[in-house]
Amino acid sequence: MVRLSSSQSPVLVDHFLLLLQPFLQALFGSFQGIL
């Protein structure tokens, strides 16, 4: 994972990853369903 400006705003990046996690899991699940 690429952490942009993690030294400046690690909390913001962590929240962003937490918000993206369910979407990424659903995306990977759909890819597994296709494959």
N, C-alpha and C. Protein backbone atom coordinates (compact mmCIF):
# COMPACT_ATOMS: atom_id res chain seq x y z
N MET A 1 0.84 -1.20 0.00
CA MET A 1 0.00 0.00 0.00
C MET A 1 0.88 1.25 0.00
N VAL A 2 0.47 2.23 -0.77
CA VAL A 2 1.21 3.49 -0.81
C VAL A 2 0.60 4.47 0.19
N ARG A 3 1.42 4.89 1.14
CA ARG A 3 0.93 5.81 2.16
C ARG A 3 1.46 7.22 1.84
N LEU A 4 0.57 8.07 1.33
CA LEU A 4 0.96 9.42 0.97
C LEU A 4 1.02 10.31 2.20
N SER A 5 2.17 10.95 2.40
CA SER A 5 2.37 11.86 3.53
C SER A 5 1.90 11.22 4.84
N SER A 6 2.41 10.00 5.09
CA SER A 6 2.00 9.29 6.30
C SER A 6 2.57 9.97 7.55
N SER A 7 3.71 10.64 7.39
CA SER A 7 4.32 11.32 8.54
C SER A 7 3.54 12.57 8.92
N GLN A 8 2.84 13.16 7.95
CA GLN A 8 2.10 14.39 8.23
C GLN A 8 0.69 14.09 8.75
N SER A 9 -0.01 13.18 8.08
CA SER A 9 -1.39 12.89 8.48
C SER A 9 -1.66 11.39 8.43
N PRO A 10 -1.09 10.63 9.37
CA PRO A 10 -1.31 9.18 9.38
C PRO A 10 -2.76 8.82 9.71
N VAL A 11 -3.39 9.65 10.54
CA VAL A 11 -4.78 9.36 10.94
C VAL A 11 -5.70 9.47 9.73
N LEU A 12 -5.47 10.48 8.90
CA LEU A 12 -6.31 10.68 7.72
C LEU A 12 -6.16 9.50 6.77
N VAL A 13 -4.93 9.04 6.58
CA VAL A 13 -4.68 7.91 5.68
C VAL A 13 -5.33 6.65 6.24
N ASP A 14 -5.23 6.46 7.56
CA ASP A 14 -5.82 5.27 8.18
C ASP A 14 -7.33 5.28 8.01
N HIS A 15 -7.95 6.43 8.21
CA HIS A 15 -9.40 6.54 8.04
C HIS A 15 -9.79 6.28 6.59
N PHE A 16 -8.97 6.77 5.66
CA PHE A 16 -9.24 6.58 4.24
C PHE A 16 -9.17 5.09 3.89
N LEU A 17 -8.16 4.41 4.44
CA LEU A 17 -8.02 2.97 4.17
C LEU A 17 -9.17 2.20 4.81
N LEU A 18 -9.61 2.62 5.98
CA LEU A 18 -10.73 1.95 6.65
C LEU A 18 -12.01 2.12 5.84
N LEU A 19 -12.17 3.30 5.24
CA LEU A 19 -13.36 3.54 4.41
C LEU A 19 -13.28 2.72 3.12
N LEU A 20 -12.08 2.52 2.60
CA LEU A 20 -11.92 1.80 1.34
C LEU A 20 -11.94 0.28 1.54
N GLN A 21 -11.70 -0.17 2.76
CA GLN A 21 -11.57 -1.62 3.00
C GLN A 21 -12.79 -2.42 2.56
N PRO A 22 -14.03 -2.05 2.95
CA PRO A 22 -15.19 -2.83 2.51
C PRO A 22 -15.35 -2.81 1.00
N PHE A 23 -15.06 -1.67 0.38
CA PHE A 23 -15.18 -1.56 -1.08
C PHE A 23 -14.15 -2.46 -1.76
N LEU A 24 -12.92 -2.45 -1.23
CA LEU A 24 -11.88 -3.30 -1.81
C LEU A 24 -12.21 -4.77 -1.62
N GLN A 25 -12.75 -5.13 -0.47
CA GLN A 25 -13.13 -6.52 -0.22
C GLN A 25 -14.23 -6.95 -1.17
N ALA A 26 -15.21 -6.08 -1.41
CA ALA A 26 -16.29 -6.41 -2.34
C ALA A 26 -15.73 -6.52 -3.76
N LEU A 27 -14.78 -5.64 -4.09
CA LEU A 27 -14.18 -5.68 -5.43
C LEU A 27 -13.42 -6.98 -5.63
N PHE A 28 -12.62 -7.37 -4.65
CA PHE A 28 -11.87 -8.62 -4.75
C PHE A 28 -12.82 -9.81 -4.79
N GLY A 29 -13.92 -9.72 -4.04
CA GLY A 29 -14.91 -10.80 -4.04
C GLY A 29 -15.54 -10.95 -5.42
N SER A 30 -15.81 -9.82 -6.09
CA SER A 30 -16.41 -9.89 -7.42
C SER A 30 -15.39 -10.45 -8.42
N PHE A 31 -14.12 -10.08 -8.24
CA PHE A 31 -13.09 -10.61 -9.13
C PHE A 31 -12.95 -12.11 -8.97
N GLN A 32 -13.03 -12.60 -7.72
CA GLN A 32 -12.95 -14.03 -7.47
C GLN A 32 -14.16 -14.73 -8.07
N GLY A 33 -15.32 -14.06 -8.02
CA GLY A 33 -16.53 -14.64 -8.61
C GLY A 33 -16.39 -14.77 -10.12
N ILE A 34 -15.76 -13.76 -10.75
CA ILE A 34 -15.56 -13.80 -12.20
C ILE A 34 -14.54 -14.88 -12.56
N LEU A 35 -13.44 -14.92 -11.80
CA LEU A 35 -12.41 -15.91 -12.08
C LEU A 35 -12.89 -17.28 -11.61
